[in-house]
Amino acid sequence: SAYAPVAGIEELRDAICAFHEHYDRFSRLAADDVVVSVGSKHLIYLILAVFNGDVLLRSPTWSTYLPQCHLAMHNTVIVPTQPEARWKIQPADLDRALSEHCKS
């Protein structure tokens, strides 16, 4: 068939796994856990459309992610990140954001 696999080309998904194993230490990620799409906004919205529950959204983030969450009728918990931590969510920041969310 002239069409690529729905989840994406396996070699690309393997390369994505290798990237995250090297840079993020995700050692249990497999190609079957990865989906490649032509557009992340579309894929993210599709995931939000079928997902039940609150959404954790790191900040700063892309300008359309919060409106997508609202469009999909999700409560959103904003988790701030810092340049000193290479913009990765830190446990203390996650605890603080969840504690504030649970109060409301």
PDB file of N, CA and C in Angstrom:
ATOM      1  N   SER A   1       0.844  -1.182   0.000  1.00  0.00           N
ATOM      2  CA  SER A   1       0.000   0.000   0.000  1.00  0.00           C
ATOM      3  C   SER A   1       0.889   1.244   0.000  1.00  0.00           C
ATOM      4  N   ALA A   2       0.383   2.320  -0.538  1.00  0.00           N
ATOM      5  CA  ALA A   2       1.123   3.575  -0.596  1.00  0.00           C
ATOM      6  C   ALA A   2       1.009   4.373   0.702  1.00  0.00           C
ATOM      7  N   TYR A   3       0.164   3.905   1.607  1.00  0.00           N
ATOM      8  CA  TYR A   3      -0.040   4.619   2.864  1.00  0.00           C
ATOM      9  C   TYR A   3       0.943   4.137   3.925  1.00  0.00           C
ATOM     10  N   ALA A   4       1.386   5.074   4.745  1.00  0.00           N
ATOM     11  CA  ALA A   4       2.245   4.717   5.881  1.00  0.00           C
ATOM     12  C   ALA A   4       1.380   4.078   6.970  1.00  0.00           C
ATOM     13  N   PRO A   5       1.976   3.306   7.856  1.00  0.00           N
ATOM     14  CA  PRO A   5       1.212   2.742   8.971  1.00  0.00           C
ATOM     15  C   PRO A   5       0.549   3.848   9.794  1.00  0.00           C
ATOM     16  N   VAL A   6      -0.611   3.571  10.329  1.00  0.00           N
ATOM     17  CA  VAL A   6      -1.379   4.573  11.084  1.00  0.00           C
ATOM     18  C   VAL A   6      -0.567   5.151  12.238  1.00  0.00           C
ATOM     19  N   ALA A   7       0.165   4.331  12.951  1.00  0.00           N
ATOM     20  CA  ALA A   7       0.946   4.800  14.098  1.00  0.00           C
ATOM     21  C   ALA A   7       2.261   5.457  13.687  1.00  0.00           C
ATOM     22  N   GLY A   8       2.604   5.405  12.401  1.00  0.00           N
ATOM     23  CA  GLY A   8       3.858   5.968  11.928  1.00  0.00           C
ATOM     24  C   GLY A   8       4.834   4.877  11.528  1.00  0.00           C
ATOM     25  N   ILE A   9       5.855   5.264  10.815  1.00  0.00           N
ATOM     26  CA  ILE A   9       6.868   4.327  10.338  1.00  0.00           C
ATOM     27  C   ILE A   9       7.638   3.769  11.531  1.00  0.00           C
ATOM     28  N   GLU A  10       7.786   2.456  11.563  1.00  0.00           N
ATOM     29  CA  GLU A  10       8.394   1.807  12.722  1.00  0.00           C
ATOM     30  C   GLU A  10       9.821   2.288  12.995  1.00  0.00           C
ATOM     31  N   GLU A  11      10.612   2.501  11.961  1.00  0.00           N
ATOM     32  CA  GLU A  11      11.987   2.980  12.152  1.00  0.00           C
ATOM     33  C   GLU A  11      12.002   4.349  12.838  1.00  0.00           C
ATOM     34  N   LEU A  12      11.050   5.207  12.489  1.00  0.00           N
ATOM     35  CA  LEU A  12      10.951   6.515  13.125  1.00  0.00           C
ATOM     36  C   LEU A  12      10.540   6.372  14.582  1.00  0.00           C
ATOM     37  N   ARG A  13       9.582   5.502  14.852  1.00  0.00           N
ATOM     38  CA  ARG A  13       9.162   5.280  16.239  1.00  0.00           C
ATOM     39  C   ARG A  13      10.296   4.691  17.074  1.00  0.00           C
ATOM     40  N   ASP A  14      11.102   3.795  16.477  1.00  0.00           N
ATOM     41  CA  ASP A  14      12.286   3.264  17.171  1.00  0.00           C
ATOM     42  C   ASP A  14      13.286   4.380  17.474  1.00  0.00           C
ATOM     43  N   ALA A  15      13.489   5.280  16.511  1.00  0.00           N
ATOM     44  CA  ALA A  15      14.418   6.400  16.709  1.00  0.00           C
ATOM     45  C   ALA A  15      13.927   7.335  17.811  1.00  0.00           C
ATOM     46  N   ILE A  16      12.628   7.542  17.888  1.00  0.00           N
ATOM     47  CA  ILE A  16      12.059   8.376  18.955  1.00  0.00           C
ATOM     48  C   ILE A  16      12.308   7.734  20.311  1.00  0.00           C
ATOM     49  N   CYS A  17      12.139   6.427  20.394  1.00  0.00           N
ATOM     50  CA  CYS A  17      12.418   5.704  21.642  1.00  0.00           C
ATOM     51  C   CYS A  17      13.890   5.857  22.038  1.00  0.00           C
ATOM     52  N   ALA A  18      14.781   5.701  21.065  1.00  0.00           N
ATOM     53  CA  ALA A  18      16.208   5.829  21.344  1.00  0.00           C
ATOM     54  C   ALA A  18      16.554   7.243  21.814  1.00  0.00           C
ATOM     55  N   PHE A  19      15.946   8.239  21.196  1.00  0.00           N
ATOM     56  CA  PHE A  19      16.158   9.636  21.595  1.00  0.00           C
ATOM     57  C   PHE A  19      15.773   9.835  23.058  1.00  0.00           C
ATOM     58  N   HIS A  20      14.569   9.386  23.428  1.00  0.00           N
ATOM     59  CA  HIS A  20      14.099   9.599  24.802  1.00  0.00           C
ATOM     60  C   HIS A  20      14.844   8.729  25.810  1.00  0.00           C
ATOM     61  N   GLU A  21      15.327   7.584  25.372  1.00  0.00           N
ATOM     62  CA  GLU A  21      16.159   6.781  26.276  1.00  0.00           C
ATOM     63  C   GLU A  21      17.468   7.510  26.559  1.00  0.00           C
ATOM     64  N   HIS A  22      18.067   8.097  25.515  1.00  0.00           N
ATOM     65  CA  HIS A  22      19.343   8.798  25.669  1.00  0.00           C
ATOM     66  C   HIS A  22      19.199  10.096  26.467  1.00  0.00           C
ATOM     67  N   TYR A  23      18.227  10.943  26.105  1.00  0.00           N
ATOM     68  CA  TYR A  23      18.126  12.272  26.705  1.00  0.00           C
ATOM     69  C   TYR A  23      17.245  12.343  27.947  1.00  0.00           C
ATOM     70  N   ASP A  24      16.251  11.479  28.055  1.00  0.00           N
ATOM     71  CA  ASP A  24      15.309  11.558  29.170  1.00  0.00           C
ATOM     72  C   ASP A  24      15.319  10.321  30.063  1.00  0.00           C
ATOM     73  N   ARG A  25      16.162   9.349  29.707  1.00  0.00           N
ATOM     74  CA  ARG A  25      16.308   8.107  30.471  1.00  0.00           C
ATOM     75  C   ARG A  25      15.000   7.306  30.553  1.00  0.00           C
ATOM     76  N   PHE A  26      14.211   7.322  29.470  1.00  0.00           N
ATOM     77  CA  PHE A  26      12.994   6.506  29.386  1.00  0.00           C
ATOM     78  C   PHE A  26      13.400   5.129  28.892  1.00  0.00           C
ATOM     79  N   SER A  27      13.722   4.229  29.789  1.00  0.00           N
ATOM     80  CA  SER A  27      14.269   2.940  29.384  1.00  0.00           C
ATOM     81  C   SER A  27      13.204   1.918  29.000  1.00  0.00           C
ATOM     82  N   ARG A  28      11.964   2.127  29.372  1.00  0.00           N
ATOM     83  CA  ARG A  28      10.925   1.140  29.076  1.00  0.00           C
ATOM     84  C   ARG A  28      10.014   1.555  27.927  1.00  0.00           C
ATOM     85  N   LEU A  29      10.386   2.551  27.165  1.00  0.00           N
ATOM     86  CA  LEU A  29       9.585   3.015  26.042  1.00  0.00           C
ATOM     87  C   LEU A  29       9.850   2.124  24.830  1.00  0.00           C
ATOM     88  N   ALA A  30       8.776   1.658  24.194  1.00  0.00           N
ATOM     89  CA  ALA A  30       8.892   0.799  23.018  1.00  0.00           C
ATOM     90  C   ALA A  30       8.166   1.454  21.848  1.00  0.00           C
ATOM     91  N   ALA A  31       8.518   1.060  20.641  1.00  0.00           N
ATOM     92  CA  ALA A  31       7.899   1.632  19.435  1.00  0.00           C
ATOM     93  C   ALA A  31       6.382   1.497  19.469  1.00  0.00           C
ATOM     94  N   ASP A  32       5.871   0.434  20.071  1.00  0.00           N
ATOM     95  CA  ASP A  32       4.414   0.257  20.167  1.00  0.00           C
ATOM     96  C   ASP A  32       3.759   1.294  21.083  1.00  0.00           C
ATOM     97  N   ASP A  33       4.564   1.997  21.884  1.00  0.00           N
ATOM     98  CA  ASP A  33       4.051   3.041  22.777  1.00  0.00           C
ATOM     99  C   ASP A  33       4.043   4.413  22.113  1.00  0.00           C
ATOM    100  N   VAL A  34       4.546   4.513  20.897  1.00  0.00           N
ATOM    101  CA  VAL A  34       4.743   5.788  20.214  1.00  0.00           C
ATOM    102  C   VAL A  34       3.819   5.892  19.002  1.00  0.00           C
ATOM    103  N   VAL A  35       3.200   7.060  18.857  1.00  0.00           N
ATOM    104  CA  VAL A  35       2.398   7.355  17.668  1.00  0.00           C
ATOM    105  C   VAL A  35       2.970   8.617  17.044  1.00  0.00           C
ATOM    106  N   VAL A  36       3.189   8.575  15.744  1.00  0.00           N
ATOM    107  CA  VAL A  36       3.713   9.724  15.008  1.00  0.00           C
ATOM    108  C   VAL A  36       2.581  10.278  14.155  1.00  0.00           C
ATOM    109  N   SER A  37       2.413  11.584  14.207  1.00  0.00           N
ATOM    110  CA  SER A  37       1.337  12.231  13.480  1.00  0.00           C
ATOM    111  C   SER A  37       1.899  13.370  12.633  1.00  0.00           C
ATOM    112  N   VAL A  38       1.143  13.777  11.633  1.00  0.00           N
ATOM    113  CA  VAL A  38       1.576  14.902  10.803  1.00  0.00           C
ATOM    114  C   VAL A  38       1.421  16.226  11.523  1.00  0.00           C
ATOM    115  N   GLY A  39       0.648  16.257  12.579  1.00  0.00           N
ATOM    116  CA  GLY A  39       0.458  17.491  13.323  1.00  0.00           C
ATOM    117  C   GLY A  39       0.172  17.212  14.779  1.00  0.00           C
ATOM    118  N   SER A  40       0.962  17.780  15.665  1.00  0.00           N
ATOM    119  CA  SER A  40       0.789  17.489  17.084  1.00  0.00           C
ATOM    120  C   SER A  40      -0.503  18.086  17.648  1.00  0.00           C
ATOM    121  N   LYS A  41      -0.908  19.256  17.169  1.00  0.00           N
ATOM    122  CA  LYS A  41      -2.137  19.860  17.694  1.00  0.00           C
ATOM    123  C   LYS A  41      -3.341  18.960  17.441  1.00  0.00           C
ATOM    124  N   HIS A  42      -3.421  18.429  16.260  1.00  0.00           N
ATOM    125  CA  HIS A  42      -4.523  17.537  15.905  1.00  0.00           C
ATOM    126  C   HIS A  42      -4.497  16.284  16.779  1.00  0.00           C
ATOM    127  N   LEU A  43      -3.343  15.677  16.913  1.00  0.00           N
ATOM    128  CA  LEU A  43      -3.212  14.464  17.716  1.00  0.00           C
ATOM    129  C   LEU A  43      -3.516  14.736  19.192  1.00  0.00           C
ATOM    130  N   ILE A  44      -3.019  15.844  19.706  1.00  0.00           N
ATOM    131  CA  ILE A  44      -3.281  16.189  21.111  1.00  0.00           C
ATOM    132  C   ILE A  44      -4.773  16.399  21.335  1.00  0.00           C
ATOM    133  N   TYR A  45      -5.436  17.084  20.418  1.00  0.00           N
ATOM    134  CA  TYR A  45      -6.876  17.282  20.594  1.00  0.00           C
ATOM    135  C   TYR A  45      -7.621  15.947  20.542  1.00  0.00           C
ATOM    136  N   LEU A  46      -7.228  15.059  19.648  1.00  0.00           N
ATOM    137  CA  LEU A  46      -7.884  13.749  19.585  1.00  0.00           C
ATOM    138  C   LEU A  46      -7.716  12.981  20.897  1.00  0.00           C
ATOM    139  N   ILE A  47      -6.544  13.063  21.486  1.00  0.00           N
ATOM    140  CA  ILE A  47      -6.322  12.411  22.780  1.00  0.00           C
ATOM    141  C   ILE A  47      -7.209  13.045  23.843  1.00  0.00           C
ATOM    142  N   LEU A  48      -7.277  14.371  23.852  1.00  0.00           N
ATOM    143  CA  LEU A  48      -8.125  15.062  24.830  1.00  0.00           C
ATOM    144  C   LEU A  48      -9.600  14.698  24.653  1.00  0.00           C
ATOM    145  N   ALA A  49     -10.011  14.489  23.417  1.00  0.00           N
ATOM    146  CA  ALA A  49     -11.417  14.189  23.136  1.00  0.00           C
ATOM    147  C   ALA A  49     -11.850  12.831  23.700  1.00  0.00           C
ATOM    148  N   VAL A  50     -10.920  11.909  23.853  1.00  0.00           N
ATOM    149  CA  VAL A  50     -11.282  10.574  24.355  1.00  0.00           C
ATOM    150  C   VAL A  50     -10.851  10.346  25.800  1.00  0.00           C
ATOM    151  N   PHE A  51     -10.166  11.316  26.379  1.00  0.00           N
ATOM    152  CA  PHE A  51      -9.620  11.193  27.728  1.00  0.00           C
ATOM    153  C   PHE A  51     -10.591  11.776  28.745  1.00  0.00           C
ATOM    154  N   ASN A  52     -10.793  11.083  29.846  1.00  0.00           N
ATOM    155  CA  ASN A  52     -11.611  11.586  30.952  1.00  0.00           C
ATOM    156  C   ASN A  52     -10.698  12.004  32.088  1.00  0.00           C
ATOM    157  N   GLY A  53     -10.922  13.159  32.650  1.00  0.00           N
ATOM    158  CA  GLY A  53     -10.146  13.576  33.804  1.00  0.00           C
ATOM    159  C   GLY A  53      -9.514  14.937  33.613  1.00  0.00           C
ATOM    160  N   ASP A  54      -8.839  15.373  34.661  1.00  0.00           N
ATOM    161  CA  ASP A  54      -8.140  16.648  34.623  1.00  0.00           C
ATOM    162  C   ASP A  54      -6.862  16.508  33.804  1.00  0.00           C
ATOM    163  N   VAL A  55      -6.376  17.629  33.299  1.00  0.00           N
ATOM    164  CA  VAL A  55      -5.176  17.645  32.467  1.00  0.00           C
ATOM    165  C   VAL A  55      -4.115  18.486  33.156  1.00  0.00           C
ATOM    166  N   LEU A  56      -2.905  17.925  33.288  1.00  0.00           N
ATOM    167  CA  LEU A  56      -1.761  18.680  33.777  1.00  0.00           C
ATOM    168  C   LEU A  56      -1.109  19.336  32.573  1.00  0.00           C
ATOM    169  N   LEU A  57      -0.895  20.634  32.654  1.00  0.00           N
ATOM    170  CA  LEU A  57      -0.323  21.387  31.542  1.00  0.00           C
ATOM    171  C   LEU A  57       0.839  22.206  32.074  1.00  0.00           C
ATOM    172  N   ARG A  58       2.025  21.928  31.556  1.00  0.00           N
ATOM    173  CA  ARG A  58       3.176  22.687  32.052  1.00  0.00           C
ATOM    174  C   ARG A  58       3.174  24.090  31.452  1.00  0.00           C
ATOM    175  N   SER A  59       3.808  24.985  32.175  1.00  0.00           N
ATOM    176  CA  SER A  59       3.918  26.362  31.730  1.00  0.00           C
ATOM    177  C   SER A  59       5.375  26.777  31.842  1.00  0.00           C
ATOM    178  N   PRO A  60       5.946  27.428  30.844  1.00  0.00           N
ATOM    179  CA  PRO A  60       5.275  27.894  29.635  1.00  0.00           C
ATOM    180  C   PRO A  60       4.975  26.741  28.673  1.00  0.00           C
ATOM    181  N   THR A  61       3.994  26.991  27.830  1.00  0.00           N
ATOM    182  CA  THR A  61       3.594  25.994  26.846  1.00  0.00           C
ATOM    183  C   THR A  61       3.113  26.678  25.583  1.00  0.00           C
ATOM    184  N   TRP A  62       2.808  25.891  24.597  1.00  0.00           N
ATOM    185  CA  TRP A  62       2.308  26.426  23.336  1.00  0.00           C
ATOM    186  C   TRP A  62       0.969  27.110  23.576  1.00  0.00           C
ATOM    187  N   SER A  63       0.698  28.170  22.878  1.00  0.00           N
ATOM    188  CA  SER A  63      -0.475  29.013  23.152  1.00  0.00           C
ATOM    189  C   SER A  63      -1.816  28.327  22.903  1.00  0.00           C
ATOM    190  N   THR A  64      -1.859  27.260  22.141  1.00  0.00           N
ATOM    191  CA  THR A  64      -3.151  26.630  21.834  1.00  0.00           C
ATOM    192  C   THR A  64      -3.514  25.475  22.756  1.00  0.00           C
ATOM    193  N   TYR A  65      -2.590  25.005  23.593  1.00  0.00           N
ATOM    194  CA  TYR A  65      -2.892  23.817  24.406  1.00  0.00           C
ATOM    195  C   TYR A  65      -3.993  24.073  25.434  1.00  0.00           C
ATOM    196  N   LEU A  66      -3.952  25.199  26.120  1.00  0.00           N
ATOM    197  CA  LEU A  66      -4.991  25.499  27.114  1.00  0.00           C
ATOM    198  C   LEU A  66      -6.367  25.644  26.464  1.00  0.00           C
ATOM    199  N   PRO A  67      -6.509  26.389  25.357  1.00  0.00           N
ATOM    200  CA  PRO A  67      -7.816  26.435  24.701  1.00  0.00           C
ATOM    201  C   PRO A  67      -8.296  25.055  24.219  1.00  0.00           C
ATOM    202  N   GLN A  68      -7.374  24.204  23.783  1.00  0.00           N
ATOM    203  CA  GLN A  68      -7.764  22.850  23.382  1.00  0.00           C
ATOM    204  C   GLN A  68      -8.339  22.083  24.573  1.00  0.00           C
ATOM    205  N   CYS A  69      -7.712  22.231  25.716  1.00  0.00           N
ATOM    206  CA  CYS A  69      -8.213  21.566  26.930  1.00  0.00           C
ATOM    207  C   CYS A  69      -9.616  22.064  27.259  1.00  0.00           C
ATOM    208  N   HIS A  70      -9.823  23.369  27.170  1.00  0.00           N
ATOM    209  CA  HIS A  70     -11.137  23.933  27.460  1.00  0.00           C
ATOM    210  C   HIS A  70     -12.176  23.467  26.438  1.00  0.00           C
ATOM    211  N   LEU A  71     -11.794  23.441  25.165  1.00  0.00           N
ATOM    212  CA  LEU A  71     -12.693  22.978  24.118  1.00  0.00           C
ATOM    213  C   LEU A  71     -13.128  21.529  24.354  1.00  0.00           C
ATOM    214  N   ALA A  72     -12.229  20.725  24.879  1.00  0.00           N
ATOM    215  CA  ALA A  72     -12.534  19.324  25.168  1.00  0.00           C
ATOM    216  C   ALA A  72     -13.163  19.149  26.549  1.00  0.00           C
ATOM    217  N   MET A  73     -13.489  20.272  27.201  1.00  0.00           N
ATOM    218  CA  MET A  73     -14.214  20.272  28.485  1.00  0.00           C
ATOM    219  C   MET A  73     -13.415  19.670  29.649  1.00  0.00           C
ATOM    220  N   HIS A  74     -12.107  19.954  29.688  1.00  0.00           N
ATOM    221  CA  HIS A  74     -11.260  19.442  30.768  1.00  0.00           C
ATOM    222  C   HIS A  74     -10.910  20.538  31.750  1.00  0.00           C
ATOM    223  N   ASN A  75     -10.848  20.181  33.037  1.00  0.00           N
ATOM    224  CA  ASN A  75     -10.225  21.047  34.024  1.00  0.00           C
ATOM    225  C   ASN A  75      -8.725  20.943  33.801  1.00  0.00           C
ATOM    226  N   THR A  76      -8.046  22.063  33.922  1.00  0.00           N
ATOM    227  CA  THR A  76      -6.614  22.085  33.634  1.00  0.00           C
ATOM    228  C   THR A  76      -5.842  22.543  34.857  1.00  0.00           C
ATOM    229  N   VAL A  77      -4.790  21.810  35.180  1.00  0.00           N
ATOM    230  CA  VAL A  77      -3.884  22.163  36.265  1.00  0.00           C
ATOM    231  C   VAL A  77      -2.593  22.656  35.614  1.00  0.00           C
ATOM    232  N   ILE A  78      -2.264  23.918  35.855  1.00  0.00           N
ATOM    233  CA  ILE A  78      -1.050  24.505  35.291  1.00  0.00           C
ATOM    234  C   ILE A  78       0.119  24.191  36.225  1.00  0.00           C
ATOM    235  N   VAL A  79       1.168  23.596  35.671  1.00  0.00           N
ATOM    236  CA  VAL A  79       2.373  23.262  36.439  1.00  0.00           C
ATOM    237  C   VAL A  79       3.518  24.111  35.896  1.00  0.00           C
ATOM    238  N   PRO A  80       3.993  25.084  36.688  1.00  0.00           N
ATOM    239  CA  PRO A  80       5.071  25.951  36.207  1.00  0.00           C
ATOM    240  C   PRO A  80       6.403  25.207  36.125  1.00  0.00           C
ATOM    241  N   THR A  81       7.216  25.587  35.147  1.00  0.00           N
ATOM    242  CA  THR A  81       8.568  25.046  35.015  1.00  0.00           C
ATOM    243  C   THR A  81       9.555  26.192  34.979  1.00  0.00           C
ATOM    244  N   GLN A  82      10.819  25.863  35.205  1.00  0.00           N
ATOM    245  CA  GLN A  82      11.854  26.900  35.316  1.00  0.00           C
ATOM    246  C   GLN A  82      13.015  26.593  34.373  1.00  0.00           C
ATOM    247  N   PRO A  83      13.676  27.634  33.856  1.00  0.00           N
ATOM    248  CA  PRO A  83      14.824  27.405  32.965  1.00  0.00           C
ATOM    249  C   PRO A  83      15.960  26.649  33.653  1.00  0.00           C
ATOM    250  N   GLU A  84      16.118  26.861  34.970  1.00  0.00           N
ATOM    251  CA  GLU A  84      17.189  26.187  35.705  1.00  0.00           C
ATOM    252  C   GLU A  84      17.017  24.666  35.677  1.00  0.00           C
ATOM    253  N   ALA A  85      15.785  24.216  35.532  1.00  0.00           N
ATOM    254  CA  ALA A  85      15.486  22.779  35.486  1.00  0.00           C
ATOM    255  C   ALA A  85      15.300  22.303  34.046  1.00  0.00           C
ATOM    256  N   ARG A  86      15.784  23.108  33.101  1.00  0.00           N
ATOM    257  CA  ARG A  86      15.658  22.797  31.667  1.00  0.00           C
ATOM    258  C   ARG A  86      14.193  22.620  31.266  1.00  0.00           C
ATOM    259  N   TRP A  87      13.311  23.394  31.923  1.00  0.00           N
ATOM    260  CA  TRP A  87      11.877  23.421  31.626  1.00  0.00           C
ATOM    261  C   TRP A  87      11.181  22.085  31.911  1.00  0.00           C
ATOM    262  N   LYS A  88      11.810  21.227  32.696  1.00  0.00           N
ATOM    263  CA  LYS A  88      11.197  19.950  33.056  1.00  0.00           C
ATOM    264  C   LYS A  88      10.439  20.121  34.368  1.00  0.00           C
ATOM    265  N   ILE A  89       9.322  19.438  34.482  1.00  0.00           N
ATOM    266  CA  ILE A  89       8.514  19.512  35.691  1.00  0.00           C
ATOM    267  C   ILE A  89       9.286  18.887  36.849  1.00  0.00           C
ATOM    268  N   GLN A  90       9.373  19.620  37.945  1.00  0.00           N
ATOM    269  CA  GLN A  90      10.040  19.147  39.153  1.00  0.00           C
ATOM    270  C   GLN A  90       8.994  18.659  40.159  1.00  0.00           C
ATOM    271  N   PRO A  91       9.338  17.667  40.967  1.00  0.00           N
ATOM    272  CA  PRO A  91       8.360  17.125  41.927  1.00  0.00           C
ATOM    273  C   PRO A  91       7.733  18.189  42.831  1.00  0.00           C
ATOM    274  N   ALA A  92       8.521  19.131  43.311  1.00  0.00           N
ATOM    275  CA  ALA A  92       7.981  20.170  44.210  1.00  0.00           C
ATOM    276  C   ALA A  92       6.975  21.054  43.475  1.00  0.00           C
ATOM    277  N   ASP A  93       7.250  21.375  42.219  1.00  0.00           N
ATOM    278  CA  ASP A  93       6.319  22.187  41.429  1.00  0.00           C
ATOM    279  C   ASP A  93       5.020  21.429  41.176  1.00  0.00           C
ATOM    280  N   LEU A  94       5.132  20.141  40.911  1.00  0.00           N
ATOM    281  CA  LEU A  94       3.950  19.308  40.698  1.00  0.00           C
ATOM    282  C   LEU A  94       3.134  19.212  41.986  1.00  0.00           C
ATOM    283  N   ASP A  95       3.798  18.978  43.111  1.00  0.00           N
ATOM    284  CA  ASP A  95       3.094  18.923  44.407  1.00  0.00           C
ATOM    285  C   ASP A  95       2.353  20.222  44.686  1.00  0.00           C
ATOM    286  N   ARG A  96       3.018  21.351  44.439  1.00  0.00           N
ATOM    287  CA  ARG A  96       2.418  22.659  44.700  1.00  0.00           C
ATOM    288  C   ARG A  96       1.193  22.884  43.803  1.00  0.00           C
ATOM    289  N   ALA A  97       1.321  22.571  42.525  1.00  0.00           N
ATOM    290  CA  ALA A  97       0.207  22.777  41.590  1.00  0.00           C
ATOM    291  C   ALA A  97      -0.973  21.883  41.941  1.00  0.00           C
ATOM    292  N   LEU A  98      -0.699  20.635  42.294  1.00  0.00           N
ATOM    293  CA  LEU A  98      -1.788  19.722  42.653  1.00  0.00           C
ATOM    294  C   LEU A  98      -2.444  20.110  43.970  1.00  0.00           C
ATOM    295  N   SER A  99      -1.637  20.580  44.916  1.00  0.00           N
ATOM    296  CA  SER A  99      -2.192  21.024  46.207  1.00  0.00           C
ATOM    297  C   SER A  99      -3.130  22.204  45.997  1.00  0.00           C
ATOM    298  N   GLU A 100      -2.729  23.168  45.170  1.00  0.00           N
ATOM    299  CA  GLU A 100      -3.577  24.318  44.881  1.00  0.00           C
ATOM    300  C   GLU A 100      -4.837  23.893  44.141  1.00  0.00           C
ATOM    301  N   HIS A 101      -4.722  22.946  43.227  1.00  0.00           N
ATOM    302  CA  HIS A 101      -5.865  22.463  42.467  1.00  0.00           C
ATOM    303  C   HIS A 101      -6.857  21.732  43.374  1.00  0.00           C
ATOM    304  N   CYS A 102      -6.343  20.947  44.306  1.00  0.00           N
ATOM    305  CA  CYS A 102      -7.225  20.182  45.190  1.00  0.00           C
ATOM    306  C   CYS A 102      -7.979  21.074  46.176  1.00  0.00           C
ATOM    307  N   LYS A 103      -7.434  22.266  46.474  1.00  0.00           N
ATOM    308  CA  LYS A 103      -8.107  23.214  47.376  1.00  0.00           C
ATOM    309  C   LYS A 103      -9.354  23.790  46.728  1.00  0.00           C
ATOM    310  N   SER A 104      -9.332  23.936  45.394  1.00  0.00           N
ATOM    311  CA  SER A 104     -10.450  24.596  44.715  1.00  0.00           C
ATOM    312  C   SER A 104     -11.564  23.642  44.365  1.00  0.00           C
TER     313      SER A 104
END
